[in-house]
Amino acid sequence: MTARDFSTRPVRRSGLLDSTLVALGALGFVAVAAATLVTRRDLTEVIAAVEDARRDPVLRRTPLRRDGQEGLAAQAQATAEAPPARILAELAALMPGDVRLNGATLTYGEGVAVELSVVAREEAAYDRFLERLAASSLFTDLLPGAESRGGAISAPIRMRYRTGGAP
């Protein structure tokens, strides 16, 4: 039995399609690397602006950026000034014993929008909670939702949390 000699077979050369695909892959890699660098630079600038705002109370009252990153900078600043644990602790301090928090949604942007789902054993406890929220200087734009009266009350409540830089 004789062995085949593979060295005499013609070698298939790379075609135009192969070269084009390799070039497109390299171009895509360069584009992704450039986008990553730009995004990383923007993130570094926003983090630096938030740190400056933490150190200087005057900066808290002025917008951090003017070049399209205002929303991200405002969100980062609001998150730094009002972390979720602080907001929930403030709410817990205002809640009567007969009111229970079923859910909370915090939306950070220009300030913090708070949406609660609460259950109270009695109407009086729910009313006390609403009165405490209205009297609090930390929560503004209070908007109670539809409530089911008659024994236990279940209701949504929307409001805004006043951050350190808010008027």
N, C-alpha and C. Protein backbone atom coordinates (compact mmCIF):
# COMPACT_ATOMS: atom_id res chain seq x y z
N MET A 1 0.85 -1.16 0.00
CA MET A 1 0.00 0.00 0.00
C MET A 1 0.90 1.23 0.00
N THR A 2 0.60 2.12 -0.86
CA THR A 2 1.42 3.31 -0.99
C THR A 2 0.73 4.49 -0.33
N ALA A 3 1.50 5.33 0.28
CA ALA A 3 0.96 6.53 0.94
C ALA A 3 0.82 7.64 -0.08
N ARG A 4 -0.20 8.42 0.09
CA ARG A 4 -0.43 9.54 -0.83
C ARG A 4 0.50 10.67 -0.47
N ASP A 5 0.96 11.33 -1.45
CA ASP A 5 1.84 12.47 -1.26
C ASP A 5 1.00 13.74 -1.36
N PHE A 6 0.73 14.37 -0.24
CA PHE A 6 -0.14 15.56 -0.22
C PHE A 6 0.59 16.82 -0.66
N SER A 7 1.89 16.78 -0.71
CA SER A 7 2.63 17.99 -1.06
C SER A 7 2.49 18.36 -2.52
N THR A 8 2.06 17.45 -3.34
CA THR A 8 1.92 17.75 -4.76
C THR A 8 0.56 18.31 -5.12
N ARG A 9 -0.34 18.33 -4.13
CA ARG A 9 -1.67 18.87 -4.41
C ARG A 9 -1.59 20.39 -4.44
N PRO A 10 -2.38 21.03 -5.25
CA PRO A 10 -2.37 22.50 -5.29
C PRO A 10 -2.91 23.09 -3.99
N VAL A 11 -2.29 24.18 -3.53
CA VAL A 11 -2.71 24.87 -2.31
C VAL A 11 -3.75 25.91 -2.69
N ARG A 12 -4.84 25.91 -1.97
CA ARG A 12 -5.91 26.87 -2.24
C ARG A 12 -5.49 28.23 -1.70
N ARG A 13 -5.50 29.23 -2.51
CA ARG A 13 -5.11 30.58 -2.13
C ARG A 13 -6.33 31.31 -1.57
N SER A 14 -6.06 32.28 -0.67
CA SER A 14 -7.14 33.10 -0.14
C SER A 14 -7.73 33.92 -1.26
N GLY A 15 -9.04 34.01 -1.24
CA GLY A 15 -9.72 34.76 -2.27
C GLY A 15 -10.03 36.18 -1.83
N LEU A 16 -10.64 36.92 -2.71
CA LEU A 16 -11.02 38.30 -2.43
C LEU A 16 -12.04 38.37 -1.30
N LEU A 17 -12.94 37.41 -1.24
CA LEU A 17 -13.95 37.39 -0.19
C LEU A 17 -13.31 37.24 1.19
N ASP A 18 -12.34 36.33 1.30
CA ASP A 18 -11.66 36.13 2.58
C ASP A 18 -10.94 37.41 3.02
N SER A 19 -10.26 38.06 2.12
CA SER A 19 -9.54 39.29 2.45
C SER A 19 -10.50 40.40 2.86
N THR A 20 -11.63 40.48 2.17
CA THR A 20 -12.62 41.51 2.48
C THR A 20 -13.20 41.27 3.87
N LEU A 21 -13.52 40.04 4.22
CA LEU A 21 -14.08 39.73 5.54
C LEU A 21 -13.08 40.02 6.65
N VAL A 22 -11.82 39.73 6.44
CA VAL A 22 -10.80 40.03 7.45
C VAL A 22 -10.67 41.54 7.63
N ALA A 23 -10.70 42.29 6.53
CA ALA A 23 -10.61 43.76 6.61
C ALA A 23 -11.82 44.33 7.34
N LEU A 24 -13.01 43.83 7.06
CA LEU A 24 -14.22 44.31 7.73
C LEU A 24 -14.18 43.98 9.22
N GLY A 25 -13.68 42.81 9.56
CA GLY A 25 -13.55 42.45 10.97
C GLY A 25 -12.59 43.38 11.69
N ALA A 26 -11.47 43.70 11.07
CA ALA A 26 -10.50 44.62 11.68
C ALA A 26 -11.09 46.01 11.82
N LEU A 27 -11.83 46.47 10.81
CA LEU A 27 -12.47 47.78 10.87
C LEU A 27 -13.52 47.83 11.98
N GLY A 28 -14.29 46.77 12.14
CA GLY A 28 -15.26 46.71 13.23
C GLY A 28 -14.59 46.74 14.59
N PHE A 29 -13.49 46.04 14.73
CA PHE A 29 -12.75 46.05 15.99
C PHE A 29 -12.25 47.45 16.32
N VAL A 30 -11.73 48.17 15.33
CA VAL A 30 -11.25 49.53 15.55
C VAL A 30 -12.41 50.45 15.95
N ALA A 31 -13.57 50.29 15.31
CA ALA A 31 -14.74 51.13 15.64
C ALA A 31 -15.20 50.87 17.08
N VAL A 32 -15.25 49.62 17.49
CA VAL A 32 -15.67 49.29 18.85
C VAL A 32 -14.66 49.81 19.86
N ALA A 33 -13.38 49.71 19.56
CA ALA A 33 -12.35 50.22 20.47
C ALA A 33 -12.46 51.73 20.63
N ALA A 34 -12.72 52.44 19.52
CA ALA A 34 -12.86 53.90 19.59
C ALA A 34 -14.10 54.29 20.41
N ALA A 35 -15.21 53.59 20.19
CA ALA A 35 -16.43 53.89 20.97
C ALA A 35 -16.21 53.61 22.45
N THR A 36 -15.48 52.57 22.77
CA THR A 36 -15.19 52.25 24.17
C THR A 36 -14.35 53.34 24.81
N LEU A 37 -13.35 53.84 24.10
CA LEU A 37 -12.51 54.90 24.65
C LEU A 37 -13.31 56.19 24.89
N VAL A 38 -14.17 56.55 23.95
CA VAL A 38 -14.98 57.76 24.11
C VAL A 38 -15.93 57.61 25.29
N THR A 39 -16.58 56.47 25.41
CA THR A 39 -17.51 56.24 26.52
C THR A 39 -16.78 56.25 27.85
N ARG A 40 -15.61 55.65 27.89
CA ARG A 40 -14.83 55.63 29.13
C ARG A 40 -14.41 57.05 29.53
N ARG A 41 -14.04 57.88 28.54
CA ARG A 41 -13.67 59.26 28.83
C ARG A 41 -14.88 60.02 29.39
N ASP A 42 -16.05 59.84 28.76
CA ASP A 42 -17.26 60.52 29.25
C ASP A 42 -17.60 60.09 30.67
N LEU A 43 -17.48 58.80 30.96
CA LEU A 43 -17.76 58.30 32.30
C LEU A 43 -16.80 58.91 33.31
N THR A 44 -15.54 59.01 32.97
CA THR A 44 -14.55 59.60 33.87
C THR A 44 -14.89 61.06 34.15
N GLU A 45 -15.31 61.79 33.13
CA GLU A 45 -15.68 63.20 33.32
C GLU A 45 -16.90 63.34 34.23
N VAL A 46 -17.89 62.49 34.04
CA VAL A 46 -19.11 62.56 34.86
C VAL A 46 -18.78 62.20 36.31
N ILE A 47 -17.96 61.20 36.52
CA ILE A 47 -17.57 60.83 37.89
C ILE A 47 -16.83 61.98 38.55
N ALA A 48 -15.93 62.63 37.80
CA ALA A 48 -15.20 63.77 38.36
C ALA A 48 -16.15 64.92 38.70
N ALA A 49 -17.15 65.16 37.86
CA ALA A 49 -18.12 66.23 38.11
C ALA A 49 -18.94 65.93 39.36
N VAL A 50 -19.32 64.67 39.56
CA VAL A 50 -20.08 64.30 40.75
C VAL A 50 -19.22 64.48 42.00
N GLU A 51 -17.97 64.09 41.93
CA GLU A 51 -17.07 64.27 43.07
C GLU A 51 -16.89 65.76 43.39
N ASP A 52 -16.77 66.59 42.35
CA ASP A 52 -16.67 68.04 42.57
C ASP A 52 -17.93 68.57 43.25
N ALA A 53 -19.09 68.09 42.81
CA ALA A 53 -20.36 68.55 43.39
C ALA A 53 -20.48 68.11 44.85
N ARG A 54 -19.95 66.95 45.17
CA ARG A 54 -19.98 66.50 46.56
C ARG A 54 -19.14 67.41 47.45
N ARG A 55 -18.02 67.88 46.92
CA ARG A 55 -17.12 68.72 47.71
C ARG A 55 -17.57 70.17 47.78
N ASP A 56 -18.26 70.66 46.74
CA ASP A 56 -18.62 72.07 46.67
C ASP A 56 -20.13 72.23 46.61
N PRO A 57 -20.78 72.71 47.68
CA PRO A 57 -22.25 72.84 47.69
C PRO A 57 -22.78 73.80 46.64
N VAL A 58 -21.99 74.76 46.19
CA VAL A 58 -22.45 75.70 45.17
C VAL A 58 -22.68 74.97 43.85
N LEU A 59 -21.84 73.99 43.52
CA LEU A 59 -22.01 73.24 42.29
C LEU A 59 -23.28 72.40 42.29
N ARG A 60 -23.80 72.08 43.45
CA ARG A 60 -25.03 71.28 43.52
C ARG A 60 -26.22 72.03 42.95
N ARG A 61 -26.16 73.34 42.94
CA ARG A 61 -27.28 74.14 42.46
C ARG A 61 -27.14 74.50 40.99
N THR A 62 -26.03 74.13 40.35
CA THR A 62 -25.82 74.44 38.94
C THR A 62 -25.69 73.15 38.15
N PRO A 63 -26.10 73.17 36.88
CA PRO A 63 -25.95 71.96 36.05
C PRO A 63 -24.47 71.60 35.93
N LEU A 64 -24.20 70.30 35.89
CA LEU A 64 -22.82 69.84 35.84
C LEU A 64 -22.21 69.96 34.44
N ARG A 65 -23.00 69.65 33.40
CA ARG A 65 -22.47 69.64 32.05
C ARG A 65 -23.46 70.30 31.11
N ARG A 66 -22.96 70.78 29.98
CA ARG A 66 -23.83 71.42 28.99
C ARG A 66 -23.73 70.75 27.62
N ASP A 67 -23.09 69.60 27.50
CA ASP A 67 -22.82 69.03 26.18
C ASP A 67 -23.53 67.70 25.91
N GLY A 68 -24.77 67.55 26.33
CA GLY A 68 -25.51 66.33 26.05
C GLY A 68 -25.41 65.30 27.16
N GLN A 69 -24.55 65.49 28.11
CA GLN A 69 -24.40 64.56 29.21
C GLN A 69 -25.15 65.04 30.45
N GLU A 70 -25.99 66.07 30.29
CA GLU A 70 -26.69 66.65 31.44
C GLU A 70 -27.55 65.62 32.15
N GLY A 71 -28.28 64.81 31.40
CA GLY A 71 -29.15 63.82 32.02
C GLY A 71 -28.37 62.80 32.83
N LEU A 72 -27.28 62.31 32.26
CA LEU A 72 -26.45 61.33 32.97
C LEU A 72 -25.81 61.95 34.20
N ALA A 73 -25.34 63.18 34.06
CA ALA A 73 -24.72 63.86 35.20
C ALA A 73 -25.75 64.12 36.30
N ALA A 74 -26.96 64.55 35.92
CA ALA A 74 -28.01 64.80 36.91
C ALA A 74 -28.41 63.50 37.61
N GLN A 75 -28.47 62.41 36.86
CA GLN A 75 -28.82 61.13 37.45
C GLN A 75 -27.73 60.67 38.43
N ALA A 76 -26.48 60.83 38.03
CA ALA A 76 -25.38 60.44 38.92
C ALA A 76 -25.36 61.30 40.18
N GLN A 77 -25.62 62.59 40.02
CA GLN A 77 -25.63 63.48 41.18
C GLN A 77 -26.78 63.13 42.12
N ALA A 78 -27.97 62.88 41.56
CA ALA A 78 -29.12 62.53 42.40
C ALA A 78 -28.87 61.21 43.12
N THR A 79 -28.24 60.27 42.46
CA THR A 79 -27.94 58.98 43.09
C THR A 79 -26.95 59.16 44.24
N ALA A 80 -25.97 60.03 44.04
CA ALA A 80 -24.98 60.27 45.10
C ALA A 80 -25.61 61.00 46.29
N GLU A 81 -26.51 61.93 46.02
CA GLU A 81 -27.12 62.72 47.09
C GLU A 81 -28.23 61.97 47.81
N ALA A 82 -28.89 61.06 47.12
CA ALA A 82 -30.05 60.37 47.72
C ALA A 82 -30.01 58.88 47.38
N PRO A 83 -29.13 58.13 48.03
CA PRO A 83 -29.12 56.68 47.76
C PRO A 83 -30.42 56.04 48.22
N PRO A 84 -30.79 54.92 47.62
CA PRO A 84 -32.05 54.26 47.97
C PRO A 84 -32.20 53.98 49.47
N ALA A 85 -31.13 53.59 50.13
CA ALA A 85 -31.23 53.29 51.56
C ALA A 85 -31.65 54.52 52.36
N ARG A 86 -31.17 55.68 51.99
CA ARG A 86 -31.54 56.91 52.70
C ARG A 86 -33.01 57.23 52.49
N ILE A 87 -33.48 57.12 51.25
CA ILE A 87 -34.88 57.42 50.95
C ILE A 87 -35.81 56.46 51.70
N LEU A 88 -35.48 55.17 51.68
CA LEU A 88 -36.32 54.19 52.38
C LEU A 88 -36.29 54.40 53.89
N ALA A 89 -35.16 54.82 54.43
CA ALA A 89 -35.09 55.11 55.87
C ALA A 89 -35.96 56.31 56.22
N GLU A 90 -35.95 57.33 55.36
CA GLU A 90 -36.81 58.51 55.60
C GLU A 90 -38.29 58.11 55.55
N LEU A 91 -38.64 57.24 54.61
CA LEU A 91 -40.03 56.77 54.53
C LEU A 91 -40.41 55.96 55.77
N ALA A 92 -39.52 55.09 56.20
CA ALA A 92 -39.80 54.25 57.37
C ALA A 92 -40.01 55.11 58.61
N ALA A 93 -39.28 56.21 58.72
CA ALA A 93 -39.44 57.10 59.88
C ALA A 93 -40.81 57.77 59.89
N LEU A 94 -41.41 57.95 58.72
CA LEU A 94 -42.71 58.61 58.63
C LEU A 94 -43.89 57.64 58.72
N MET A 95 -43.63 56.36 58.55
CA MET A 95 -44.72 55.38 58.50
C MET A 95 -45.23 55.01 59.90
N PRO A 96 -46.54 55.07 60.08
CA PRO A 96 -47.11 54.54 61.32
C PRO A 96 -46.93 53.02 61.35
N GLY A 97 -47.06 52.44 62.51
CA GLY A 97 -46.86 51.01 62.66
C GLY A 97 -47.84 50.15 61.87
N ASP A 98 -49.01 50.70 61.56
CA ASP A 98 -50.02 49.92 60.85
C ASP A 98 -49.94 50.07 59.33
N VAL A 99 -48.89 50.72 58.83
CA VAL A 99 -48.72 50.89 57.38
C VAL A 99 -47.53 50.06 56.95
N ARG A 100 -47.72 49.32 55.87
CA ARG A 100 -46.66 48.45 55.34
C ARG A 100 -46.34 48.84 53.90
N LEU A 101 -45.07 48.84 53.57
CA LEU A 101 -44.61 49.14 52.21
C LEU A 101 -44.57 47.84 51.42
N ASN A 102 -45.39 47.76 50.35
CA ASN A 102 -45.40 46.57 49.50
C ASN A 102 -44.39 46.66 48.38
N GLY A 103 -44.08 47.86 47.94
CA GLY A 103 -43.13 48.03 46.86
C GLY A 103 -42.75 49.49 46.70
N ALA A 104 -41.57 49.71 46.15
CA ALA A 104 -41.10 51.07 45.92
C ALA A 104 -40.30 51.11 44.63
N THR A 105 -40.54 52.14 43.84
CA THR A 105 -39.78 52.37 42.62
C THR A 105 -39.16 53.75 42.71
N LEU A 106 -37.85 53.82 42.57
CA LEU A 106 -37.12 55.09 42.61
C LEU A 106 -36.57 55.35 41.22
N THR A 107 -36.92 56.50 40.65
CA THR A 107 -36.45 56.87 39.32
C THR A 107 -35.56 58.08 39.45
N TYR A 108 -34.28 57.90 39.16
CA TYR A 108 -33.30 58.98 39.28
C TYR A 108 -33.19 59.73 37.97
N GLY A 109 -33.09 61.04 38.07
CA GLY A 109 -32.94 61.93 36.93
C GLY A 109 -32.71 63.32 37.49
N GLU A 110 -33.54 64.26 37.11
CA GLU A 110 -33.53 65.59 37.74
C GLU A 110 -34.26 65.44 39.05
N GLY A 111 -33.57 65.01 40.08
CA GLY A 111 -34.19 64.68 41.35
C GLY A 111 -34.54 63.20 41.37
N VAL A 112 -35.40 62.83 42.30
CA VAL A 112 -35.78 61.42 42.43
C VAL A 112 -37.30 61.32 42.49
N ALA A 113 -37.88 60.58 41.55
CA ALA A 113 -39.31 60.30 41.56
C ALA A 113 -39.51 59.01 42.34
N VAL A 114 -40.46 59.04 43.27
CA VAL A 114 -40.71 57.89 44.15
C VAL A 114 -42.15 57.42 43.91
N GLU A 115 -42.29 56.12 43.68
CA GLU A 115 -43.62 55.53 43.53
C GLU A 115 -43.72 54.39 44.53
N LEU A 116 -44.71 54.48 45.42
CA LEU A 116 -44.88 53.50 46.49
C LEU A 116 -46.16 52.71 46.30
N SER A 117 -46.15 51.51 46.81
CA SER A 117 -47.36 50.72 46.95
C SER A 117 -47.46 50.39 48.44
N VAL A 118 -48.48 50.93 49.11
CA VAL A 118 -48.61 50.75 50.55
C VAL A 118 -49.91 50.05 50.90
N VAL A 119 -49.88 49.40 52.05
CA VAL A 119 -51.07 48.76 52.61
C VAL A 119 -51.16 49.20 54.06
N ALA A 120 -52.35 49.64 54.46
CA ALA A 120 -52.58 50.06 55.86
C ALA A 120 -53.71 49.21 56.43
N ARG A 121 -53.58 48.86 57.70
CA ARG A 121 -54.63 48.05 58.35
C ARG A 121 -55.90 48.84 58.55
N GLU A 122 -55.73 50.13 58.81
CA GLU A 122 -56.90 50.98 59.07
C GLU A 122 -56.80 52.25 58.24
N GLU A 123 -57.95 52.84 58.00
CA GLU A 123 -58.00 54.10 57.25
C GLU A 123 -57.26 55.21 57.99
N ALA A 124 -57.37 55.23 59.29
CA ALA A 124 -56.73 56.28 60.08
C ALA A 124 -55.20 56.22 59.96
N ALA A 125 -54.64 55.02 59.93
CA ALA A 125 -53.19 54.88 59.79
C ALA A 125 -52.73 55.39 58.42
N TYR A 126 -53.48 55.06 57.38
CA TYR A 126 -53.16 55.53 56.03
C TYR A 126 -53.23 57.06 55.97
N ASP A 127 -54.27 57.63 56.55
CA ASP A 127 -54.42 59.08 56.56
C ASP A 127 -53.28 59.75 57.34
N ARG A 128 -52.85 59.15 58.46
CA ARG A 128 -51.71 59.69 59.22
C ARG A 128 -50.43 59.67 58.38
N PHE A 129 -50.25 58.59 57.64
CA PHE A 129 -49.07 58.49 56.78
C PHE A 129 -49.08 59.58 55.71
N LEU A 130 -50.23 59.80 55.09
CA LEU A 130 -50.33 60.86 54.08
C LEU A 130 -50.07 62.24 54.70
N GLU A 131 -50.58 62.46 55.91
CA GLU A 131 -50.35 63.74 56.59
C GLU A 131 -48.87 63.94 56.89
N ARG A 132 -48.20 62.88 57.33
CA ARG A 132 -46.77 62.98 57.64
C ARG A 132 -45.95 63.24 56.36
N LEU A 133 -46.34 62.59 55.29
CA LEU A 133 -45.64 62.83 54.02
C LEU A 133 -45.84 64.28 53.57
N ALA A 134 -47.06 64.77 53.67
CA ALA A 134 -47.35 66.15 53.25
C ALA A 134 -46.61 67.16 54.12
N ALA A 135 -46.43 66.86 55.41
CA ALA A 135 -45.75 67.78 56.31
C ALA A 135 -44.23 67.71 56.18
N SER A 136 -43.73 66.64 55.60
CA SER A 136 -42.28 66.46 55.47
C SER A 136 -41.70 67.41 54.44
N SER A 137 -40.54 67.96 54.74
CA SER A 137 -39.86 68.83 53.77
C SER A 137 -39.07 68.03 52.76
N LEU A 138 -38.92 66.73 52.97
CA LEU A 138 -38.14 65.89 52.06
C LEU A 138 -38.94 65.37 50.88
N PHE A 139 -40.25 65.24 51.04
CA PHE A 139 -41.09 64.69 49.99
C PHE A 139 -42.03 65.77 49.48
N THR A 140 -42.05 65.95 48.16
CA THR A 140 -42.89 66.99 47.55
C THR A 140 -43.75 66.37 46.45
N ASP A 141 -44.63 67.17 45.91
CA ASP A 141 -45.50 66.76 44.80
C ASP A 141 -46.22 65.45 45.10
N LEU A 142 -46.78 65.35 46.29
CA LEU A 142 -47.46 64.14 46.76
C LEU A 142 -48.72 63.91 45.93
N LEU A 143 -48.88 62.72 45.38
CA LEU A 143 -50.04 62.38 44.57
C LEU A 143 -50.52 60.97 44.92
N PRO A 144 -51.48 60.87 45.87
CA PRO A 144 -52.01 59.54 46.20
C PRO A 144 -52.83 59.00 45.03
N GLY A 145 -52.75 57.70 44.81
CA GLY A 145 -53.50 57.06 43.74
C GLY A 145 -54.84 56.55 44.23
N ALA A 146 -55.48 55.75 43.41
CA ALA A 146 -56.79 55.17 43.77
C ALA A 146 -56.61 54.26 44.96
N GLU A 147 -57.50 54.40 45.92
CA GLU A 147 -57.40 53.61 47.15
C GLU A 147 -58.70 52.85 47.36
N SER A 148 -58.57 51.71 48.02
CA SER A 148 -59.75 50.91 48.34
C SER A 148 -60.02 51.06 49.83
N ARG A 149 -61.06 51.81 50.18
CA ARG A 149 -61.42 52.05 51.59
C ARG A 149 -62.34 50.93 52.08
N GLY A 150 -62.41 50.80 53.38
CA GLY A 150 -63.26 49.77 53.98
C GLY A 150 -62.38 48.71 54.61
N GLY A 151 -61.92 48.96 55.81
CA GLY A 151 -61.00 48.03 56.45
C GLY A 151 -59.56 48.36 56.05
N ALA A 152 -58.86 47.39 55.53
CA ALA A 152 -57.48 47.61 55.08
C ALA A 152 -57.47 48.42 53.79
N ILE A 153 -56.48 49.28 53.67
CA ILE A 153 -56.38 50.14 52.49
C ILE A 153 -55.12 49.76 51.72
N SER A 154 -55.28 49.62 50.41
CA SER A 154 -54.15 49.37 49.52
C SER A 154 -54.15 50.48 48.49
N ALA A 155 -53.01 51.18 48.36
CA ALA A 155 -52.99 52.33 47.45
C ALA A 155 -51.58 52.63 46.96
N PRO A 156 -51.47 53.16 45.74
CA PRO A 156 -50.19 53.67 45.26
C PRO A 156 -50.05 55.15 45.63
N ILE A 157 -48.82 55.59 45.81
CA ILE A 157 -48.54 56.99 46.11
C ILE A 157 -47.33 57.41 45.27
N ARG A 158 -47.47 58.53 44.59
CA ARG A 158 -46.35 59.09 43.82
C ARG A 158 -45.91 60.40 44.46
N MET A 159 -44.61 60.64 44.42
CA MET A 159 -44.06 61.87 44.98
C MET A 159 -42.64 62.07 44.48
N ARG A 160 -42.05 63.16 44.88
CA ARG A 160 -40.65 63.44 44.57
C ARG A 160 -39.88 63.58 45.87
N TYR A 161 -38.65 63.06 45.85
CA TYR A 161 -37.78 63.20 47.01
C TYR A 161 -36.88 64.41 46.75
N ARG A 162 -36.81 65.29 47.70
CA ARG A 162 -36.01 66.50 47.56
C ARG A 162 -34.56 66.18 47.91
N THR A 163 -33.68 66.28 46.92
CA THR A 163 -32.25 66.02 47.16
C THR A 163 -31.60 67.24 47.77
N GLY A 164 -30.36 67.12 48.17
CA GLY A 164 -29.65 68.21 48.83
C GLY A 164 -29.56 69.48 48.01
N GLY A 165 -29.48 69.35 46.68
CA GLY A 165 -29.35 70.54 45.85
C GLY A 165 -30.67 71.11 45.39
N ALA A 166 -31.78 70.46 45.71
CA ALA A 166 -33.09 70.94 45.28
C ALA A 166 -33.51 72.13 46.10
N PRO A 167 -34.27 73.06 45.49
CA PRO A 167 -34.73 74.24 46.25
C PRO A 167 -35.78 73.91 47.27
